[in-house]
Amino acid sequence: MKKLIFKALAKINKAVLPSYTKKQLDLSKAYKLQLAIIGWRVYVTKNALG
């Protein structure tokens, strides 16, 4: 059940949140909000796969 919820969240994240990898964002120059979005996407992806 938990994995199913995170898979749905991952699809929503992909559709709504920006992809900083495609924009080649330098993490050392990222703003706090950008880092928070990256962290959230990593958390959701990790739980969707694991």
PDB file of N, CA and C in Angstrom:
ATOM      1  N   MET A   1       0.832  -1.197   0.000  1.00  0.00           N
ATOM      2  CA  MET A   1       0.000   0.000   0.000  1.00  0.00           C
ATOM      3  C   MET A   1       0.870   1.253   0.000  1.00  0.00           C
ATOM      4  N   LYS A   2       1.892   1.249   0.855  1.00  0.00           N
ATOM      5  CA  LYS A   2       2.783   2.400   0.951  1.00  0.00           C
ATOM      6  C   LYS A   2       3.505   2.640  -0.378  1.00  0.00           C
ATOM      7  N   LYS A   3       3.956   1.552  -0.991  1.00  0.00           N
ATOM      8  CA  LYS A   3       4.680   1.654  -2.256  1.00  0.00           C
ATOM      9  C   LYS A   3       3.778   2.216  -3.358  1.00  0.00           C
ATOM     10  N   LEU A   4       2.514   1.820  -3.354  1.00  0.00           N
ATOM     11  CA  LEU A   4       1.554   2.293  -4.340  1.00  0.00           C
ATOM     12  C   LEU A   4       1.333   3.800  -4.212  1.00  0.00           C
ATOM     13  N   ILE A   5       1.257   4.290  -2.983  1.00  0.00           N
ATOM     14  CA  ILE A   5       1.074   5.724  -2.746  1.00  0.00           C
ATOM     15  C   ILE A   5       2.285   6.509  -3.248  1.00  0.00           C
ATOM     16  N   PHE A   6       3.478   5.992  -2.962  1.00  0.00           N
ATOM     17  CA  PHE A   6       4.680   6.697  -3.404  1.00  0.00           C
ATOM     18  C   PHE A   6       4.847   6.646  -4.920  1.00  0.00           C
ATOM     19  N   LYS A   7       4.393   5.581  -5.559  1.00  0.00           N
ATOM     20  CA  LYS A   7       4.444   5.528  -7.023  1.00  0.00           C
ATOM     21  C   LYS A   7       3.522   6.584  -7.629  1.00  0.00           C
ATOM     22  N   ALA A   8       2.352   6.762  -7.028  1.00  0.00           N
ATOM     23  CA  ALA A   8       1.425   7.795  -7.497  1.00  0.00           C
ATOM     24  C   ALA A   8       2.020   9.183  -7.272  1.00  0.00           C
ATOM     25  N   LEU A   9       2.642   9.385  -6.104  1.00  0.00           N
ATOM     26  CA  LEU A   9       3.292  10.665  -5.824  1.00  0.00           C
ATOM     27  C   LEU A   9       4.422  10.945  -6.811  1.00  0.00           C
ATOM     28  N   ALA A  10       5.158   9.914  -7.195  1.00  0.00           N
ATOM     29  CA  ALA A  10       6.257  10.079  -8.145  1.00  0.00           C
ATOM     30  C   ALA A  10       5.732  10.542  -9.501  1.00  0.00           C
ATOM     31  N   LYS A  11       4.600   9.999  -9.921  1.00  0.00           N
ATOM     32  CA  LYS A  11       4.012  10.425 -11.194  1.00  0.00           C
ATOM     33  C   LYS A  11       3.538  11.872 -11.122  1.00  0.00           C
ATOM     34  N   ILE A  12       2.956  12.247  -9.987  1.00  0.00           N
ATOM     35  CA  ILE A  12       2.511  13.629  -9.805  1.00  0.00           C
ATOM     36  C   ILE A  12       3.716  14.572  -9.794  1.00  0.00           C
ATOM     37  N   ASN A  13       4.775  14.175  -9.090  1.00  0.00           N
ATOM     38  CA  ASN A  13       5.990  14.989  -9.044  1.00  0.00           C
ATOM     39  C   ASN A  13       6.565  15.207 -10.431  1.00  0.00           C
ATOM     40  N   LYS A  14       6.584  14.158 -11.230  1.00  0.00           N
ATOM     41  CA  LYS A  14       7.140  14.256 -12.579  1.00  0.00           C
ATOM     42  C   LYS A  14       6.337  15.230 -13.436  1.00  0.00           C
ATOM     43  N   ALA A  15       5.038  15.243 -13.240  1.00  0.00           N
ATOM     44  CA  ALA A  15       4.173  16.117 -14.041  1.00  0.00           C
ATOM     45  C   ALA A  15       4.200  17.565 -13.563  1.00  0.00           C
ATOM     46  N   VAL A  16       4.330  17.776 -12.255  1.00  0.00           N
ATOM     47  CA  VAL A  16       4.151  19.116 -11.695  1.00  0.00           C
ATOM     48  C   VAL A  16       5.476  19.826 -11.402  1.00  0.00           C
ATOM     49  N   LEU A  17       6.398  19.128 -10.748  1.00  0.00           N
ATOM     50  CA  LEU A  17       7.622  19.777 -10.295  1.00  0.00           C
ATOM     51  C   LEU A  17       8.661  19.874 -11.408  1.00  0.00           C
ATOM     52  N   PRO A  18       9.484  20.923 -11.373  1.00  0.00           N
ATOM     53  CA  PRO A  18      10.493  21.082 -12.416  1.00  0.00           C
ATOM     54  C   PRO A  18      11.617  20.054 -12.279  1.00  0.00           C
ATOM     55  N   SER A  19      12.225  19.723 -13.413  1.00  0.00           N
ATOM     56  CA  SER A  19      13.361  18.804 -13.424  1.00  0.00           C
ATOM     57  C   SER A  19      14.638  19.637 -13.520  1.00  0.00           C
ATOM     58  N   TYR A  20      15.384  19.671 -12.437  1.00  0.00           N
ATOM     59  CA  TYR A  20      16.607  20.463 -12.423  1.00  0.00           C
ATOM     60  C   TYR A  20      17.758  19.747 -13.105  1.00  0.00           C
ATOM     61  N   THR A  21      17.616  18.447 -13.336  1.00  0.00           N
ATOM     62  CA  THR A  21      18.648  17.713 -14.055  1.00  0.00           C
ATOM     63  C   THR A  21      18.677  18.149 -15.509  1.00  0.00           C
ATOM     64  N   LYS A  22      17.524  18.313 -16.099  1.00  0.00           N
ATOM     65  CA  LYS A  22      17.445  18.743 -17.497  1.00  0.00           C
ATOM     66  C   LYS A  22      17.943  20.181 -17.664  1.00  0.00           C
ATOM     67  N   LYS A  23      17.766  20.982 -16.618  1.00  0.00           N
ATOM     68  CA  LYS A  23      18.226  22.369 -16.661  1.00  0.00           C
ATOM     69  C   LYS A  23      19.691  22.497 -16.281  1.00  0.00           C
ATOM     70  N   GLN A  24      20.326  21.379 -15.892  1.00  0.00           N
ATOM     71  CA  GLN A  24      21.729  21.328 -15.477  1.00  0.00           C
ATOM     72  C   GLN A  24      22.021  22.327 -14.363  1.00  0.00           C
ATOM     73  N   LEU A  25      21.208  22.265 -13.328  1.00  0.00           N
ATOM     74  CA  LEU A  25      21.355  23.143 -12.173  1.00  0.00           C
ATOM     75  C   LEU A  25      22.577  22.731 -11.360  1.00  0.00           C
ATOM     76  N   ASP A  26      23.395  23.700 -11.014  1.00  0.00           N
ATOM     77  CA  ASP A  26      24.550  23.452 -10.154  1.00  0.00           C
ATOM     78  C   ASP A  26      24.064  23.476  -8.703  1.00  0.00           C
ATOM     79  N   LEU A  27      24.252  22.370  -7.993  1.00  0.00           N
ATOM     80  CA  LEU A  27      23.732  22.270  -6.626  1.00  0.00           C
ATOM     81  C   LEU A  27      24.370  23.280  -5.674  1.00  0.00           C
ATOM     82  N   SER A  28      25.590  23.687  -5.946  1.00  0.00           N
ATOM     83  CA  SER A  28      26.244  24.653  -5.065  1.00  0.00           C
ATOM     84  C   SER A  28      25.645  26.057  -5.222  1.00  0.00           C
ATOM     85  N   LYS A  29      24.929  26.283  -6.324  1.00  0.00           N
ATOM     86  CA  LYS A  29      24.321  27.596  -6.561  1.00  0.00           C
ATOM     87  C   LYS A  29      22.794  27.560  -6.430  1.00  0.00           C
ATOM     88  N   ALA A  30      22.251  26.441  -5.988  1.00  0.00           N
ATOM     89  CA  ALA A  30      20.805  26.285  -5.891  1.00  0.00           C
ATOM     90  C   ALA A  30      20.255  27.029  -4.668  1.00  0.00           C
ATOM     91  N   TYR A  31      19.035  27.539  -4.825  1.00  0.00           N
ATOM     92  CA  TYR A  31      18.346  28.197  -3.721  1.00  0.00           C
ATOM     93  C   TYR A  31      17.783  27.149  -2.770  1.00  0.00           C
ATOM     94  N   LYS A  32      17.359  27.584  -1.591  1.00  0.00           N
ATOM     95  CA  LYS A  32      16.822  26.674  -0.582  1.00  0.00           C
ATOM     96  C   LYS A  32      15.577  25.950  -1.090  1.00  0.00           C
ATOM     97  N   LEU A  33      14.713  26.650  -1.800  1.00  0.00           N
ATOM     98  CA  LEU A  33      13.506  26.032  -2.329  1.00  0.00           C
ATOM     99  C   LEU A  33      13.853  24.957  -3.354  1.00  0.00           C
ATOM    100  N   GLN A  34      14.830  25.234  -4.210  1.00  0.00           N
ATOM    101  CA  GLN A  34      15.261  24.250  -5.199  1.00  0.00           C
ATOM    102  C   GLN A  34      15.832  23.010  -4.513  1.00  0.00           C
ATOM    103  N   LEU A  35      16.609  23.205  -3.460  1.00  0.00           N
ATOM    104  CA  LEU A  35      17.162  22.073  -2.718  1.00  0.00           C
ATOM    105  C   LEU A  35      16.062  21.271  -2.033  1.00  0.00           C
ATOM    106  N   ALA A  36      15.043  21.963  -1.541  1.00  0.00           N
ATOM    107  CA  ALA A  36      13.923  21.278  -0.906  1.00  0.00           C
ATOM    108  C   ALA A  36      13.156  20.435  -1.925  1.00  0.00           C
ATOM    109  N   ILE A  37      12.961  20.956  -3.123  1.00  0.00           N
ATOM    110  CA  ILE A  37      12.278  20.210  -4.179  1.00  0.00           C
ATOM    111  C   ILE A  37      13.097  18.987  -4.577  1.00  0.00           C
ATOM    112  N   ILE A  38      14.398  19.156  -4.713  1.00  0.00           N
ATOM    113  CA  ILE A  38      15.276  18.031  -5.053  1.00  0.00           C
ATOM    114  C   ILE A  38      15.209  16.967  -3.966  1.00  0.00           C
ATOM    115  N   GLY A  39      15.267  17.381  -2.717  1.00  0.00           N
ATOM    116  CA  GLY A  39      15.185  16.455  -1.600  1.00  0.00           C
ATOM    117  C   GLY A  39      13.867  15.704  -1.573  1.00  0.00           C
ATOM    118  N   TRP A  40      12.780  16.404  -1.828  1.00  0.00           N
ATOM    119  CA  TRP A  40      11.456  15.778  -1.844  1.00  0.00           C
ATOM    120  C   TRP A  40      11.374  14.731  -2.954  1.00  0.00           C
ATOM    121  N   ARG A  41      11.890  15.087  -4.140  1.00  0.00           N
ATOM    122  CA  ARG A  41      11.838  14.150  -5.260  1.00  0.00           C
ATOM    123  C   ARG A  41      12.682  12.914  -4.984  1.00  0.00           C
ATOM    124  N   VAL A  42      13.825  13.090  -4.340  1.00  0.00           N
ATOM    125  CA  VAL A  42      14.677  11.949  -3.988  1.00  0.00           C
ATOM    126  C   VAL A  42      13.966  11.058  -2.980  1.00  0.00           C
ATOM    127  N   TYR A  43      13.343  11.656  -1.965  1.00  0.00           N
ATOM    128  CA  TYR A  43      12.628  10.913  -0.933  1.00  0.00           C
ATOM    129  C   TYR A  43      11.499  10.074  -1.541  1.00  0.00           C
ATOM    130  N   VAL A  44      10.709  10.694  -2.404  1.00  0.00           N
ATOM    131  CA  VAL A  44       9.577   9.993  -3.019  1.00  0.00           C
ATOM    132  C   VAL A  44      10.078   8.886  -3.944  1.00  0.00           C
ATOM    133  N   THR A  45      11.080   9.169  -4.749  1.00  0.00           N
ATOM    134  CA  THR A  45      11.617   8.169  -5.662  1.00  0.00           C
ATOM    135  C   THR A  45      12.200   6.981  -4.906  1.00  0.00           C
ATOM    136  N   LYS A  46      12.931   7.269  -3.842  1.00  0.00           N
ATOM    137  CA  LYS A  46      13.523   6.201  -3.038  1.00  0.00           C
ATOM    138  C   LYS A  46      12.459   5.282  -2.439  1.00  0.00           C
ATOM    139  N   ASN A  47      11.396   5.857  -1.950  1.00  0.00           N
ATOM    140  CA  ASN A  47      10.322   5.059  -1.362  1.00  0.00           C
ATOM    141  C   ASN A  47       9.474   4.345  -2.421  1.00  0.00           C
ATOM    142  N   ALA A  48       9.373   4.920  -3.604  1.00  0.00           N
ATOM    143  CA  ALA A  48       8.607   4.271  -4.672  1.00  0.00           C
ATOM    144  C   ALA A  48       9.349   3.051  -5.204  1.00  0.00           C
ATOM    145  N   LEU A  49      10.675   3.102  -5.197  1.00  0.00           N
ATOM    146  CA  LEU A  49      11.462   1.979  -5.716  1.00  0.00           C
ATOM    147  C   LEU A  49      11.730   0.915  -4.665  1.00  0.00           C
ATOM    148  N   GLY A  50      11.859   1.336  -3.420  1.00  0.00           N
ATOM    149  CA  GLY A  50      12.276   0.406  -2.370  1.00  0.00           C
ATOM    150  C   GLY A  50      11.233  -0.225  -1.611  1.00  0.00           C
TER     151      GLY A  50
END
